[in-house]
């Protein structure tokens, strides 16, 4: 069938999609400037746009490697994650794109999830706890939860104030990811950084983190992965290239904002700062690059995915743009230490320990792990304070 890729009410392109939600052919381009940057890059470089279109569409969905994905799909009564992508026009709460049949008279205002309600409780229950319901329970798939990328179990809800809130569970043996998100927020709050605030809650007897959507209805996230594809200059480092691209598109304080992200990752020993969990926010109407994304997605930190005997809070590998070979400790070279008052972190270690103790029963946290994790975080703070003294 012929379908149109839309950006709000702007037509982007006309394509053929088969019954498996695979694009087979592009018939016409309407407004390629309003396409997802991944697709625009391919078009602009005269690369395979059809391949880019399929890659973009598939990657906005639930990944096949999400924990307990088989149980989730069974509860949703579908056979694969890509089958979910056309259940709600491919709508997301990370951008304003959707897919409609060529003959459909649909307006973005009537269907988007930023402005319109959706049922979420049943979907969230099986997303967070795959054992929560019997198979065959009818669950509404008219939901932004069809397009939640990433490994961690998660789901969107609408709170009492009508905010769109992302709920995230844990996937590691420690169950510490929600608490790590909370801790990153506390660091950011104390150091006056731009961040996505995470709080803690218990849903379906699972500890989860919660955060409000930081986008408005006229915005989208463009990831660092797509941004880096805008410049093929190999004569500068990835860091310099990224800074140059953002500055040339009107983003201000780029190095300081990156420094903010790196100081959190240094303190948290974050090992998962891949290029899809930072980037910029673009206005979809004007195409203006508005600002860098706030600091978010810091769950895989403080050795949460390492078994107790092998905990080591020192030279963990860090995903620095395309390199996965540098250590977290090397991040200190990209942190503007003179900009931060590290005394503002005083008292945070005790607060962190209290939260770990509060939720230790529900996540079955080993007391030795609790003690080592607190000591490890304390060590990270002291290392950073010492680095500042050595300036």
Protein backbone atom coordinates (compact mmCIF):
# COMPACT_ATOMS: atom_id res chain seq x y z
CA UNK A 1 0.00 0.00 0.00
CA UNK A 2 1.06 3.59 -0.58
CA UNK A 3 1.78 5.56 2.59
CA UNK A 4 2.89 9.11 3.32
CA UNK A 5 5.54 9.96 5.89
CA UNK A 6 4.34 13.07 7.72
CA UNK A 7 6.05 15.58 10.01
CA UNK A 8 3.09 17.08 11.84
CA UNK A 9 0.98 18.17 8.82
CA UNK A 10 3.92 18.44 6.40
CA UNK A 11 4.15 15.72 3.79
CA UNK A 12 7.70 14.37 3.61
CA UNK A 13 7.57 11.54 1.08
CA UNK A 14 5.30 8.95 -0.55
CA UNK A 15 6.37 5.31 -0.36
CA UNK A 16 5.20 1.73 -0.79
CA UNK A 17 4.93 -0.32 2.41
CA UNK A 18 4.29 -4.05 2.46
CA UNK A 19 2.29 -6.12 4.96
CA UNK A 20 5.42 -6.58 7.11
CA UNK A 21 5.87 -2.82 7.56
CA UNK A 22 8.87 -2.79 5.23
CA UNK A 23 9.19 0.07 2.74
CA UNK A 24 9.68 -1.30 -0.77
CA UNK A 25 9.84 1.83 -2.91
CA UNK A 26 9.85 5.63 -2.67
CA UNK A 27 7.54 7.25 -5.22
CA UNK A 28 7.90 10.94 -4.51
CA UNK A 29 9.62 13.46 -2.24
CA UNK A 30 7.49 16.35 -1.04
CA UNK A 31 9.46 18.20 1.67
CA UNK A 32 12.73 16.35 2.27
CA UNK A 33 13.98 19.13 4.59
CA UNK A 34 11.30 18.04 7.07
CA UNK A 35 12.40 14.41 7.02
CA UNK A 36 14.13 12.77 9.98
CA UNK A 37 17.78 13.82 9.80
CA UNK A 38 18.86 10.22 9.22
CA UNK A 39 16.80 10.15 6.01
CA UNK A 40 17.74 13.70 4.99
CA UNK A 41 21.44 12.84 5.34
CA UNK A 42 21.06 9.86 3.00
CA UNK A 43 19.15 11.96 0.46
CA UNK A 44 21.64 14.83 0.62
CA UNK A 45 24.62 12.48 0.20
CA UNK A 46 22.91 10.62 -2.66
CA UNK A 47 22.98 7.43 -0.64
CA UNK A 48 20.30 4.71 -0.46
CA UNK A 49 17.30 6.65 0.94
CA UNK A 50 15.07 3.56 0.95
CA UNK A 51 17.58 1.78 3.17
CA UNK A 52 17.75 4.82 5.45
CA UNK A 53 13.94 5.02 5.61
CA UNK A 54 13.63 1.38 6.69
CA UNK A 55 16.47 1.73 9.18
CA UNK A 56 14.91 4.82 10.74
CA UNK A 57 11.44 3.26 10.95
CA UNK A 58 12.61 -0.01 12.46
CA UNK A 59 14.92 1.67 14.98
CA UNK A 60 12.16 3.85 16.42
CA UNK A 61 10.48 0.71 17.74
CA UNK A 62 11.06 -1.67 20.63
CA UNK A 63 14.38 -3.47 20.01
CA UNK A 64 14.48 -7.23 19.65
CA UNK A 65 17.09 -7.40 22.45
CA UNK A 66 14.92 -5.79 25.15
CA UNK A 67 14.77 -7.94 28.26
CA UNK A 68 11.89 -10.45 28.21
CA UNK A 69 10.85 -9.26 24.74
CA UNK A 70 9.29 -12.63 23.90
CA UNK A 71 6.96 -12.47 26.88
CA UNK A 72 6.03 -8.87 26.10
CA UNK A 73 5.16 -9.69 22.48
CA UNK A 74 3.07 -12.68 23.60
CA UNK A 75 1.09 -10.51 26.01
CA UNK A 76 0.58 -7.90 23.27
CA UNK A 77 -0.50 -10.65 20.84
CA UNK A 78 2.02 -9.73 18.14
CA UNK A 79 4.88 -11.71 16.65
CA UNK A 80 7.63 -9.09 16.33
CA UNK A 81 8.40 -5.51 17.47
CA UNK A 82 8.16 -4.14 13.93
CA UNK A 83 4.54 -5.32 13.79
CA UNK A 84 3.74 -2.72 16.45
CA UNK A 85 4.96 0.22 14.39
CA UNK A 86 1.78 0.69 12.34
CA UNK A 87 -0.66 0.11 15.22
CA UNK A 88 -0.74 3.83 16.05
CA UNK A 89 0.56 5.39 12.82
CA UNK A 90 4.15 5.03 14.06
CA UNK A 91 3.61 7.95 16.43
CA UNK A 92 6.19 8.67 19.12
CA UNK A 93 6.71 11.01 22.05
CA UNK A 94 10.27 11.72 20.87
CA UNK A 95 9.27 13.43 17.63
CA UNK A 96 6.26 14.44 15.50
CA UNK A 97 6.46 11.95 12.61
CA UNK A 98 3.72 9.54 11.62
CA UNK A 99 2.68 7.27 8.75
CA UNK A 100 -0.73 7.42 7.06
CA UNK A 101 -2.30 5.71 4.07
CA UNK A 102 -2.20 7.86 0.94
CA UNK A 103 -5.96 8.31 0.95
CA UNK A 104 -6.40 8.96 4.67
CA UNK A 105 -7.57 12.39 5.76
CA UNK A 106 -5.70 12.54 9.07
CA UNK A 107 -4.53 15.63 10.89
CA UNK A 108 -1.64 15.51 13.34
CA UNK A 109 -3.65 17.54 15.88
CA UNK A 110 -6.24 14.77 16.10
CA UNK A 111 -3.92 11.80 16.63
CA UNK A 112 -0.61 12.82 18.25
CA UNK A 113 0.06 11.63 21.80
CA UNK A 114 1.41 14.96 23.04
CA UNK A 115 -2.12 16.37 22.95
CA UNK A 116 -4.40 13.32 22.84
CA UNK A 117 -4.94 10.72 25.53
CA UNK A 118 -4.06 7.06 25.26
CA UNK A 119 -4.66 3.97 27.38
CA UNK A 120 -1.50 2.90 29.12
CA UNK A 121 -2.09 0.86 32.29
CA UNK A 122 -2.30 -2.63 30.76
CA UNK A 123 0.55 -1.93 28.34
CA UNK A 124 2.70 -0.56 31.15
CA UNK A 125 1.94 -3.52 33.40
CA UNK A 126 3.23 -6.06 30.90
CA UNK A 127 6.16 -3.83 29.90
CA UNK A 128 7.46 -3.48 33.45
CA UNK A 129 6.47 -6.91 34.74
CA UNK A 130 5.98 -9.55 32.06
CA UNK A 131 4.40 -11.92 34.61
CA UNK A 132 1.64 -9.48 35.55
CA UNK A 133 -1.14 -10.73 33.26
CA UNK A 134 -2.37 -13.87 31.60
CA UNK A 135 -1.65 -14.23 27.90
CA UNK A 136 -4.56 -13.23 25.69
CA UNK A 137 -5.61 -10.18 27.71
CA UNK A 138 -6.73 -7.52 25.24
CA UNK A 139 -4.33 -4.59 25.43
CA UNK A 140 -4.77 -1.36 23.49
CA UNK A 141 -1.93 -0.87 21.01
CA UNK A 142 -2.99 2.70 20.22
CA UNK A 143 -0.07 3.92 22.26
CA UNK A 144 3.33 5.67 22.12
CA UNK A 145 4.71 2.61 23.88
CA UNK A 146 5.06 0.95 20.47
CA UNK A 147 7.94 3.33 19.78
CA UNK A 148 10.11 3.13 22.90
CA UNK A 149 13.68 2.40 21.90
CA UNK A 150 16.29 0.95 24.24
CA UNK A 151 17.08 -2.15 26.28
CA UNK A 152 15.40 -1.15 29.55
CA UNK A 153 11.77 -2.10 30.18
CA UNK A 154 9.74 1.10 29.94
CA UNK A 155 6.41 2.68 29.11
CA UNK A 156 4.69 6.07 28.81
CA UNK A 157 1.87 7.10 31.14
CA UNK A 158 -0.21 10.25 31.66
CA UNK A 159 -0.08 11.62 35.20
CA UNK A 160 -2.75 13.54 37.12
CA UNK A 161 -1.37 16.84 35.79
CA UNK A 162 -1.66 15.59 32.19
CA UNK A 163 2.11 15.25 31.81
CA UNK A 164 3.55 12.53 29.59
CA UNK A 165 5.78 10.55 31.94
CA UNK A 166 8.28 7.85 31.01
CA UNK A 167 8.45 4.94 33.46
CA UNK A 168 11.61 2.83 33.36
CA UNK A 169 12.41 -0.40 35.14
CA UNK A 170 15.66 -2.29 35.60
CA UNK A 171 17.33 -5.06 33.65
CA UNK A 172 20.60 -5.88 35.42
CA UNK A 173 21.16 -8.36 38.24
CA UNK A 174 21.51 -5.50 40.71
CA UNK A 175 18.24 -3.74 39.82
CA UNK A 176 19.99 -0.41 40.43
CA UNK A 177 19.12 1.39 37.19
CA UNK A 178 16.18 3.41 38.61
CA UNK A 179 18.24 4.53 41.61
CA UNK A 180 21.09 5.47 39.28
CA UNK A 181 18.72 7.71 37.34
CA UNK A 182 17.65 9.33 40.60
CA UNK A 183 21.27 9.81 41.70
CA UNK A 184 22.23 11.45 38.40
CA UNK A 185 19.37 13.90 38.93
CA UNK A 186 20.65 14.75 42.41
CA UNK A 187 24.15 15.45 41.05
CA UNK A 188 22.71 17.69 38.35
CA UNK A 189 20.48 19.54 40.80
CA UNK A 190 23.35 20.26 43.16
CA UNK A 191 25.72 21.38 40.39
CA UNK A 192 23.06 23.48 38.61
CA UNK A 193 23.10 21.48 35.36
CA UNK A 194 20.39 21.13 32.73
CA UNK A 195 18.88 17.71 33.34
CA UNK A 196 15.84 15.50 33.01
CA UNK A 197 14.61 14.95 36.57
CA UNK A 198 14.04 11.33 37.62
CA UNK A 199 12.02 10.30 40.66
CA UNK A 200 11.43 6.84 42.15
CA UNK A 201 8.24 4.84 42.48
CA UNK A 202 7.00 1.26 42.83
CA UNK A 203 4.74 -0.18 40.12
CA UNK A 204 3.72 -3.82 39.82
CA UNK A 205 6.00 -4.52 42.79
CA UNK A 206 8.92 -3.25 40.72
CA UNK A 207 11.15 -0.28 41.52
CA UNK A 208 10.98 2.20 38.64
CA UNK A 209 12.18 5.66 37.74
CA UNK A 210 9.89 8.35 36.34
CA UNK A 211 10.63 11.44 34.27
CA UNK A 212 8.49 13.97 32.43
CA UNK A 213 8.86 14.28 28.68
CA UNK A 214 11.21 17.22 28.09
CA UNK A 215 9.89 17.90 24.57
CA UNK A 216 7.04 20.18 23.57
CA UNK A 217 4.52 19.24 20.89
CA UNK A 218 6.58 21.15 18.28
CA UNK A 219 9.94 19.53 19.03
CA UNK A 220 11.96 16.45 18.22
CA UNK A 221 15.20 14.89 19.43
CA UNK A 222 18.02 14.59 16.92
CA UNK A 223 20.60 12.16 18.24
CA UNK A 224 24.36 12.63 18.17
CA UNK A 225 24.54 9.61 15.88
CA UNK A 226 22.64 11.41 13.12
CA UNK A 227 24.34 14.73 13.84
CA UNK A 228 27.80 13.25 13.31
CA UNK A 229 26.76 12.10 9.84
CA UNK A 230 26.43 15.73 8.74
CA UNK A 231 30.20 16.19 8.56
CA UNK A 232 32.63 13.75 6.93
CA UNK A 233 35.75 15.72 7.90
CA UNK A 234 38.25 13.18 9.23
CA UNK A 235 40.95 15.77 9.96
CA UNK A 236 39.50 16.66 13.35
CA UNK A 237 38.53 14.56 16.36
CA UNK A 238 34.97 13.38 16.91
CA UNK A 239 34.70 15.82 19.81
CA UNK A 240 35.80 18.80 17.70
CA UNK A 241 33.57 17.73 14.83
CA UNK A 242 30.52 17.50 17.09
CA UNK A 243 31.22 20.88 18.66
CA UNK A 244 31.71 22.47 15.23
CA UNK A 245 28.46 21.05 13.86
CA UNK A 246 26.40 22.25 16.82
CA UNK A 247 27.98 25.70 16.91
CA UNK A 248 27.51 26.15 13.16
CA UNK A 249 23.81 25.42 13.68
CA UNK A 250 23.39 28.07 16.36
CA UNK A 251 23.72 25.99 19.54
CA UNK A 252 25.46 27.94 22.30
CA UNK A 253 27.69 26.83 25.20
CA UNK A 254 28.34 23.49 23.53
CA UNK A 255 31.60 22.67 25.31
CA UNK A 256 30.16 23.59 28.71
CA UNK A 257 27.04 21.48 28.12
CA UNK A 258 29.19 18.53 27.07
CA UNK A 259 31.34 19.11 30.15
CA UNK A 260 28.16 18.94 32.26
CA UNK A 261 27.30 15.56 30.78
CA UNK A 262 30.86 14.29 31.21
CA UNK A 263 31.10 15.29 34.86
CA UNK A 264 27.96 13.30 35.63
CA UNK A 265 29.25 10.32 33.66
CA UNK A 266 32.64 10.56 35.41
CA UNK A 267 31.06 10.58 38.85
CA UNK A 268 28.56 7.86 37.97
CA UNK A 269 31.04 5.67 36.10
CA UNK A 270 28.52 5.60 33.26
CA UNK A 271 29.33 2.99 30.62
CA UNK A 272 26.42 3.55 28.24
CA UNK A 273 26.64 7.11 26.91
CA UNK A 274 26.08 5.92 23.35
CA UNK A 275 25.25 8.45 20.66
CA UNK A 276 21.50 7.89 20.85
CA UNK A 277 21.10 9.17 24.40
CA UNK A 278 22.34 12.70 23.82
CA UNK A 279 21.93 15.22 21.02
CA UNK A 280 19.92 18.35 20.27
CA UNK A 281 16.29 19.42 20.20
CA UNK A 282 14.92 20.80 16.92
CA UNK A 283 11.74 22.75 16.27
CA UNK A 284 9.82 20.77 13.65
CA UNK A 285 7.99 23.83 12.30
CA UNK A 286 10.98 26.15 11.82
CA UNK A 287 13.69 23.42 11.67
CA UNK A 288 15.72 25.57 14.05
CA UNK A 289 18.14 23.77 16.34
CA UNK A 290 16.89 25.05 19.68
CA UNK A 291 19.19 23.59 22.35
CA UNK A 292 21.11 20.56 23.49
CA UNK A 293 19.16 17.79 25.16
CA UNK A 294 19.21 17.82 28.95
CA UNK A 295 21.21 15.09 30.66
CA UNK A 296 19.18 11.88 30.61
CA UNK A 297 19.52 8.09 30.53
CA UNK A 298 22.27 7.42 33.08
CA UNK A 299 20.91 4.13 34.40
CA UNK A 300 23.76 1.84 33.40
CA UNK A 301 26.21 3.27 35.92
CA UNK A 302 28.17 2.49 39.09
CA UNK A 303 28.79 -1.09 37.91
CA UNK A 304 25.08 -1.96 38.03
CA UNK A 305 25.58 -4.70 35.44
CA UNK A 306 28.69 -6.21 37.07
CA UNK A 307 28.51 -9.12 39.52
CA UNK A 308 29.57 -8.46 43.10
CA UNK A 309 33.01 -10.16 43.05
CA UNK A 310 34.12 -8.06 40.07
CA UNK A 311 33.04 -4.58 41.19
CA UNK A 312 35.74 -2.04 40.27
CA UNK A 313 35.03 1.68 40.44
CA UNK A 314 38.09 2.82 38.53
CA UNK A 315 38.98 2.56 34.84
CA UNK A 316 35.72 1.48 33.21
CA UNK A 317 35.44 1.87 29.42
CA UNK A 318 33.43 4.83 28.12
CA UNK A 319 31.52 5.26 24.86
CA UNK A 320 33.10 8.50 23.60
CA UNK A 321 31.49 9.19 20.22
CA UNK A 322 32.71 6.40 17.91
CA UNK A 323 35.37 5.18 20.33
CA UNK A 324 34.65 2.60 23.01
CA UNK A 325 38.29 2.29 24.08
CA UNK A 326 38.85 5.30 26.31
CA UNK A 327 38.31 5.06 30.05
CA UNK A 328 35.85 7.02 32.12
CA UNK A 329 38.78 8.55 33.99
CA UNK A 330 40.01 10.13 30.75
CA UNK A 331 36.82 12.19 30.69
CA UNK A 332 38.46 14.57 33.16
CA UNK A 333 40.32 16.05 30.15
CA UNK A 334 36.97 17.27 28.76
CA UNK A 335 35.53 18.59 32.03
CA UNK A 336 35.81 22.32 32.77
CA UNK A 337 36.56 21.68 36.43
CA UNK A 338 36.94 25.35 37.26
CA UNK A 339 33.23 25.84 36.45
CA UNK A 340 31.95 23.56 39.22
CA UNK A 341 31.68 23.97 42.97
CA UNK A 342 32.23 20.39 44.07
CA UNK A 343 31.48 21.21 47.71
CA UNK A 344 27.83 21.20 46.62
CA UNK A 345 28.11 17.42 46.50
CA UNK A 346 28.80 17.24 50.24
CA UNK A 347 26.16 15.14 51.96
CA UNK A 348 25.05 13.39 48.80
CA UNK A 349 26.80 10.15 49.74
CA UNK A 350 24.71 9.82 52.92
CA UNK A 351 21.53 10.65 51.00
CA UNK A 352 22.41 8.04 48.37
CA UNK A 353 23.01 5.38 51.04
CA UNK A 354 19.64 6.12 52.64
CA UNK A 355 17.85 5.60 49.31
CA UNK A 356 19.71 2.33 48.69
CA UNK A 357 18.73 1.09 52.14
CA UNK A 358 15.12 2.19 51.64
CA UNK A 359 14.69 0.09 48.49
CA UNK A 360 17.17 -2.71 49.24
CA UNK A 361 14.43 -5.23 50.05
CA UNK A 362 12.40 -4.65 46.89
CA UNK A 363 15.42 -4.98 44.59
CA UNK A 364 17.00 -7.66 46.82
CA UNK A 365 20.21 -5.66 47.09
CA UNK A 366 23.08 -7.58 48.65
CA UNK A 367 24.34 -5.67 51.75
CA UNK A 368 27.94 -6.08 50.58
CA UNK A 369 27.03 -4.65 47.20
CA UNK A 370 25.30 -1.72 48.88
CA UNK A 371 28.40 -0.96 50.93
CA UNK A 372 30.77 -1.31 47.97
CA UNK A 373 28.57 0.83 45.72
CA UNK A 374 28.41 3.65 48.26
CA UNK A 375 32.17 3.48 48.75
CA UNK A 376 32.67 3.43 44.99
CA UNK A 377 30.57 6.56 44.48
CA UNK A 378 32.43 8.27 47.32
CA UNK A 379 35.70 7.36 45.59
CA UNK A 380 34.50 8.95 42.34
CA UNK A 381 33.75 12.23 44.10
CA UNK A 382 37.14 12.27 45.83
CA UNK A 383 38.94 11.53 42.54
CA UNK A 384 37.23 14.50 40.92
CA UNK A 385 37.99 16.80 43.85
CA UNK A 386 41.64 15.76 43.68
CA UNK A 387 41.73 16.41 39.93
CA UNK A 388 40.43 19.95 40.56
CA UNK A 389 43.10 20.54 43.23
CA UNK A 390 45.76 19.52 40.70
CA UNK A 391 44.73 22.17 38.17
